Protein backbone atom coordinates (compact mmCIF):
# COMPACT_ATOMS: atom_id res chain seq x y z
CA MET A 1 28.95 1.47 -34.72
CA GLY A 2 32.12 3.69 -34.57
CA LYS A 3 33.09 5.26 -31.26
CA ARG A 4 31.61 8.55 -32.19
CA SER A 5 28.19 7.01 -33.03
CA GLY A 6 28.00 4.81 -30.00
CA GLN A 7 28.64 7.86 -27.76
CA ALA A 8 25.88 10.15 -29.77
CA VAL A 9 23.34 6.97 -29.18
CA ARG A 10 24.42 6.86 -25.31
CA GLU A 11 24.01 10.31 -25.14
CA ARG A 12 20.57 10.34 -27.23
CA ASN A 13 19.51 8.01 -24.80
CA ALA A 14 20.33 9.34 -21.78
CA ALA A 15 18.65 12.58 -22.47
CA THR A 16 15.38 10.62 -23.31
CA PRO A 17 12.59 9.93 -20.95
CA PRO A 18 11.34 6.58 -19.68
CA PRO A 19 8.42 5.09 -21.48
CA SER A 20 4.96 5.33 -18.99
CA PRO A 21 4.82 2.26 -16.57
CA GLU A 22 1.99 0.72 -16.19
CA PRO A 23 -0.28 2.23 -13.87
CA LEU A 24 -1.10 2.02 -10.11
CA ARG A 25 -4.78 1.25 -9.50
CA VAL A 26 -4.21 2.88 -5.88
CA ALA A 27 -2.68 6.91 -6.27
CA VAL A 28 0.04 7.90 -4.05
CA ALA A 29 1.84 11.38 -3.79
CA ASP A 30 5.15 11.89 -4.88
CA SER A 31 6.18 13.18 -1.75
CA HIS A 32 9.60 15.13 -3.46
CA THR A 33 9.88 16.34 -6.28
CA HIS A 34 11.54 19.34 -7.74
CA MET A 35 9.77 20.19 -11.19
CA ASP A 36 11.69 23.71 -11.62
CA MET A 37 14.80 21.32 -12.66
CA GLN A 38 12.51 19.62 -15.33
CA ASP A 39 12.66 19.72 -18.75
CA PRO A 40 8.73 19.71 -19.54
CA ALA A 41 6.25 22.26 -18.36
CA VAL A 42 4.32 21.83 -15.01
CA PRO A 43 0.62 20.90 -16.40
CA GLU A 44 2.49 18.06 -18.44
CA ILE A 45 4.37 16.67 -15.29
CA ILE A 46 1.35 16.41 -13.84
CA ALA A 47 -0.46 14.87 -16.62
CA ALA A 48 2.07 12.16 -17.07
CA ALA A 49 2.21 11.80 -12.72
CA GLU A 50 -1.55 11.59 -12.87
CA ALA A 51 -1.92 9.25 -16.21
CA VAL A 52 -0.41 6.48 -13.52
CA GLY A 53 -1.63 7.54 -10.73
CA VAL A 54 0.91 9.94 -9.18
CA THR A 55 -0.80 12.27 -7.36
CA PRO A 56 -0.33 15.14 -5.83
CA LEU A 57 3.11 16.44 -6.05
CA ILE A 58 4.78 18.18 -3.39
CA GLN A 59 7.38 20.57 -4.77
CA VAL A 60 10.50 20.95 -2.70
CA GLY A 61 12.13 24.18 -2.46
CA VAL A 62 16.04 24.30 -1.65
CA ASP A 63 16.94 28.32 -1.33
CA VAL A 64 14.81 31.16 -1.21
CA PRO A 65 13.75 31.67 -4.94
CA SER A 66 13.04 28.01 -5.49
CA SER A 67 11.13 28.03 -2.12
CA GLN A 68 8.95 31.61 -3.44
CA TRP A 69 8.62 29.31 -7.00
CA ALA A 70 7.24 26.05 -4.98
CA ALA A 71 4.79 28.17 -3.06
CA GLN A 72 3.45 30.20 -6.63
CA ALA A 73 3.09 26.72 -8.20
CA ALA A 74 1.05 25.38 -5.11
CA THR A 75 -1.51 28.49 -5.73
CA GLU A 76 -1.77 27.70 -9.71
CA TYR A 77 -2.30 23.77 -9.57
CA PRO A 78 -4.27 21.92 -7.55
CA ALA A 79 -2.20 18.80 -7.89
CA VAL A 80 0.63 20.75 -6.25
CA TRP A 81 1.34 21.43 -2.71
CA ALA A 82 5.19 23.67 -1.37
CA ALA A 83 7.75 22.52 1.17
CA VAL A 84 9.77 25.32 1.86
CA ALA A 85 13.53 25.85 2.84
CA LEU A 86 17.28 26.52 2.60
CA HIS A 87 19.23 22.95 1.51
CA PRO A 88 21.47 22.31 4.24
CA ASN A 89 24.23 22.85 1.78
CA GLU A 90 22.81 26.70 0.74
CA ALA A 91 23.39 27.85 4.35
CA PRO A 92 27.48 27.65 4.22
CA ARG A 93 26.83 28.92 0.82
CA ILE A 94 24.99 32.10 2.63
CA VAL A 95 27.10 32.44 5.60
CA HIS A 96 30.59 32.17 4.08
CA GLY A 97 30.40 32.88 0.52
CA ASP A 98 31.22 30.75 -2.01
CA GLY A 99 35.15 29.67 -2.44
CA ALA A 100 35.50 29.27 1.03
CA ARG A 101 36.72 26.08 2.64
CA GLY A 102 34.33 23.39 3.23
CA VAL A 103 31.32 24.91 1.18
CA GLU A 104 29.79 23.43 -1.37
CA VAL A 105 29.78 25.53 -4.87
CA ASP A 106 27.51 25.17 -7.46
CA ASP A 107 28.98 27.65 -9.50
CA THR A 108 27.17 30.68 -9.39
CA ASP A 109 24.28 31.29 -7.54
CA TRP A 110 20.32 31.72 -8.73
CA ALA A 111 20.91 35.43 -10.34
CA GLY A 112 23.95 34.11 -12.17
CA LYS A 113 26.89 35.72 -9.88
CA VAL A 114 29.07 34.61 -7.40
CA ARG A 115 27.80 34.59 -4.19
CA SER A 116 30.25 36.52 -1.64
CA ALA A 117 29.52 35.79 2.25
CA ALA A 118 26.44 37.70 3.70
CA GLY A 119 27.32 36.42 7.50
CA LEU A 120 24.93 35.70 9.84
CA ALA A 121 22.28 38.56 8.79
CA GLY A 122 22.28 36.74 5.63
CA LEU A 123 21.14 33.51 6.80
CA ASP A 124 18.39 35.67 9.50
CA GLU A 125 17.37 37.58 6.23
CA ALA A 126 17.23 34.14 4.35
CA VAL A 127 15.26 32.12 7.10
CA ALA A 128 12.66 35.14 7.63
CA GLU A 129 11.67 34.66 4.11
CA ILE A 130 11.21 30.95 4.73
CA ASP A 131 9.37 31.57 7.94
CA ARG A 132 6.66 34.13 5.92
CA LEU A 133 6.19 31.17 3.16
CA ALA A 134 6.07 28.31 5.85
CA ALA A 135 2.79 30.48 7.16
CA LEU A 136 1.06 30.11 3.84
CA PRO A 137 -2.12 28.01 3.39
CA GLN A 138 -0.18 25.61 0.02
CA VAL A 139 2.83 25.11 2.02
CA ARG A 140 2.93 21.40 3.73
CA ALA A 141 6.35 21.22 4.97
CA VAL A 142 9.40 22.93 5.98
CA GLY A 143 11.99 21.38 3.78
CA GLU A 144 14.40 20.46 2.51
CA THR A 145 16.49 21.12 5.51
CA GLY A 146 18.78 18.99 7.81
CA LEU A 147 22.62 18.20 7.71
CA ASP A 148 24.60 17.17 4.94
CA TYR A 149 28.54 16.16 5.96
CA PHE A 150 29.00 14.75 2.53
CA ARG A 151 29.82 17.78 0.39
CA THR A 152 30.03 20.05 2.77
CA GLY A 153 33.19 19.94 5.20
CA GLU A 154 33.89 21.01 8.77
CA GLU A 155 33.84 25.20 8.30
CA GLY A 156 30.03 24.80 7.08
CA VAL A 157 28.95 22.60 9.76
CA GLU A 158 28.17 25.11 12.41
CA ALA A 159 25.93 27.11 9.56
CA GLN A 160 24.04 23.58 8.94
CA GLN A 161 22.92 23.36 12.27
CA GLU A 162 21.95 26.64 13.19
CA SER A 163 19.86 26.42 9.73
CA PHE A 164 18.52 23.05 10.56
CA ARG A 165 17.68 24.16 14.48
CA ARG A 166 15.56 27.31 12.94
CA HIS A 167 13.50 25.10 10.50
CA ILE A 168 12.58 22.53 13.18
CA ASP A 169 11.38 25.72 15.21
CA ILE A 170 9.53 27.04 12.01
CA ALA A 171 7.63 23.86 11.17
CA LYS A 172 6.60 23.44 15.07
CA ARG A 173 5.17 27.43 14.84
CA ASN A 174 3.42 26.24 11.65
CA GLY A 175 2.51 22.91 12.33
CA LEU A 176 4.25 21.68 9.56
CA ALA A 177 5.87 18.47 8.63
CA VAL A 178 10.21 18.96 8.71
CA MET A 179 11.33 17.41 5.67
CA ILE A 180 14.99 16.40 6.40
CA HIS A 181 18.06 15.66 4.14
CA ASP A 182 20.01 13.80 5.93
CA ARG A 183 23.76 13.00 4.33
CA ASP A 184 26.51 11.26 6.36
CA ALA A 185 24.95 12.69 9.65
CA HIS A 186 22.64 10.82 11.09
CA ASP A 187 24.16 10.81 14.18
CA ASP A 188 23.32 14.39 14.33
CA VAL A 189 20.15 14.72 12.97
CA LEU A 190 19.20 12.89 15.46
CA ARG A 191 20.77 14.68 18.44
CA ILE A 192 19.50 18.25 16.53
CA LEU A 193 16.00 16.69 16.73
CA ARG A 194 16.24 15.56 20.45
CA GLU A 195 17.84 18.96 21.52
CA GLU A 196 15.09 21.11 19.77
CA GLY A 197 12.19 18.77 20.55
CA ALA A 198 10.91 17.57 17.29
CA PRO A 199 8.05 18.90 15.38
CA GLU A 200 4.68 16.14 15.46
CA LYS A 201 5.60 15.27 11.61
CA VAL A 202 8.91 14.30 10.87
CA VAL A 203 10.12 12.77 7.08
CA PHE A 204 13.27 11.45 6.40
CA HIS A 205 13.56 12.70 2.24
CA CYS A 206 15.28 10.09 0.26
CA PHE A 207 15.93 7.76 3.26
CA SER A 208 19.73 7.05 3.26
CA GLY A 209 19.57 5.12 6.57
CA ASP A 210 20.42 1.11 7.03
CA ALA A 211 18.21 -0.95 8.76
CA ASP A 212 19.39 0.06 12.51
CA MET A 213 18.28 3.34 11.42
CA ALA A 214 15.07 2.53 10.01
CA LYS A 215 14.14 0.90 13.77
CA LEU A 216 15.32 4.31 15.21
CA CYS A 217 13.29 6.37 13.24
CA ALA A 218 10.16 4.41 13.82
CA GLU A 219 10.98 3.79 17.42
CA SER A 220 10.25 7.89 17.36
CA GLY A 221 7.47 8.12 14.66
CA TYR A 222 9.12 9.52 11.77
CA TYR A 223 8.03 8.94 8.29
CA MET A 224 11.11 7.19 5.60
CA SER A 225 10.61 8.30 1.90
CA PHE A 226 12.22 6.15 -0.11
CA ALA A 227 13.39 7.37 -3.90
CA GLY A 228 14.88 5.54 -6.66
CA ASN A 229 17.94 4.66 -5.34
CA VAL A 230 16.43 1.73 -3.27
CA THR A 231 16.02 0.13 -6.73
CA PHE A 232 20.21 0.32 -7.42
CA ALA A 233 22.21 -2.98 -7.51
CA SER A 234 24.54 -0.97 -4.48
CA ALA A 235 21.62 -0.36 -2.32
CA GLN A 236 21.27 -3.51 -0.45
CA GLN A 237 21.47 -1.36 3.10
CA LEU A 238 18.02 0.97 1.62
CA ARG A 239 16.35 -2.29 0.98
CA ASP A 240 17.11 -3.57 4.02
CA ALA A 241 16.00 -0.60 5.29
CA ALA A 242 12.39 -1.02 3.60
CA ALA A 243 12.25 -4.18 4.32
CA VAL A 244 11.95 -3.23 8.15
CA ALA A 245 9.96 0.03 7.89
CA PRO A 246 6.57 0.01 9.37
CA PRO A 247 4.24 0.47 6.40
CA ASP A 248 2.60 3.18 8.26
CA LEU A 249 5.80 5.18 8.20
CA ILE A 250 6.79 4.50 4.32
CA LEU A 251 6.28 7.34 2.03
CA VAL A 252 7.41 7.20 -1.65
CA GLU A 253 9.33 9.87 -3.34
CA THR A 254 11.44 10.76 -6.90
CA ASP A 255 13.62 13.55 -5.83
CA ALA A 256 13.20 14.45 -9.82
CA PRO A 257 15.12 14.66 -12.16
CA PHE A 258 17.75 13.02 -9.30
CA LEU A 259 17.95 9.27 -8.75
CA THR A 260 16.10 7.69 -11.60
CA PRO A 261 14.67 4.16 -10.34
CA LYS A 262 16.21 0.70 -12.28
CA PRO A 263 15.79 -0.41 -15.55
CA TYR A 264 16.25 3.89 -16.46
CA ARG A 265 19.20 5.17 -14.14
CA GLY A 266 20.99 7.58 -15.86
CA ARG A 267 17.70 8.95 -18.08
CA PRO A 268 15.57 11.80 -16.83
CA ASN A 269 13.28 11.13 -13.78
CA ALA A 270 9.88 12.55 -13.40
CA PRO A 271 7.22 12.01 -10.78
CA TYR A 272 5.25 9.20 -13.20
CA LEU A 273 8.27 7.35 -12.61
CA ILE A 274 7.15 6.21 -8.87
CA PRO A 275 5.58 2.91 -10.08
CA HIS A 276 9.01 1.53 -10.00
CA THR A 277 9.80 2.08 -7.00
CA LEU A 278 6.80 1.64 -5.28
CA ARG A 279 6.52 -1.80 -6.86
CA ALA A 280 10.47 -2.32 -5.82
CA ILE A 281 9.48 -1.31 -2.01
CA ALA A 282 6.58 -4.11 -1.93
CA GLU A 283 8.64 -6.76 -3.71
CA VAL A 284 11.34 -6.08 -0.26
CA LYS A 285 8.42 -6.02 2.19
CA GLY A 286 6.36 -8.73 0.74
CA MET A 287 3.57 -7.15 0.76
CA ASP A 288 0.30 -6.41 -1.95
CA GLU A 289 1.39 -3.35 -4.10
CA ASP A 290 -2.27 -1.79 -3.76
CA ASP A 291 -2.00 -2.61 0.43
CA LEU A 292 1.03 -0.78 0.48
CA ALA A 293 -0.15 2.35 -2.61
CA THR A 294 -3.16 2.33 0.55
CA ALA A 295 -0.66 2.72 3.30
CA ILE A 296 1.45 5.09 1.21
CA ALA A 297 -1.37 7.52 0.23
CA SER A 298 -2.73 7.85 3.87
CA ASN A 299 0.79 7.95 5.10
CA ALA A 300 1.21 11.08 3.12
CA THR A 301 -2.46 12.56 3.94
CA ARG A 302 -1.41 13.03 7.78
CA ALA A 303 2.60 13.48 7.37
CA PHE A 304 1.55 16.86 4.59
CA GLY A 305 -1.90 17.64 6.08
CA LEU A 306 -3.48 17.06 2.50
CA MET A 307 -7.14 16.78 1.64
């Protein structure tokens, strides 16, 4: 096979959805997904997930438009609940604009225009809309919020922390879980939760800590949601964390279309692939698959007030 033909095969394989796994016998929720970033239509995503025992789905917003989309999707589909927030990297973009030093840039904003600085007034406006959405009955979490020091540099830290504090307040006032994106920022995330007073329900989305971090979260009663990267060869610290995390504080998610679990890493992710991640966690913990799924289903019900 020639080099060009081999590349074509690799590209085709990378774009091909993985086959459906063996269904779970106990249904669990996908605690964090982005269906607005996935290729299939929402009904197809839901049907594929339900066919393998993955339901309901928590559709997560990362900015104002995607949070509005999440809330609307949750009104249209009984299997969907919404989480609304400004992603930690979104806050500095609003305040400082694209191109500012230390601010992550995704080329253009949702309207197709390079974003200019809107200052704290712009952040106020965006947070006010998240606050409005959080009061809707189909919204069950404020997220994903938090801190991300991997892509946003020092110049963006103040905006991130201010946004995070405001989201914590929204979650507490609405009696919702706060869903945290924490990347390279463990100490500051935990500090701000202490300073503001954590909501009753805290979910660390795509848990990224080690076993010591998992123990700290367990001491505070924080939920730890594990994604497909727990299956990666390079992610032993995540497996160590999963091993010590109490079963009554574990959630499972896809973060789709990102973080496709082994053996399909690099191909499109979707909620129907949750069984791979759950089985990997069960193996690490030495637990029966059904027992772990039963615990995770109960945890999601508590964390998100599902019915």
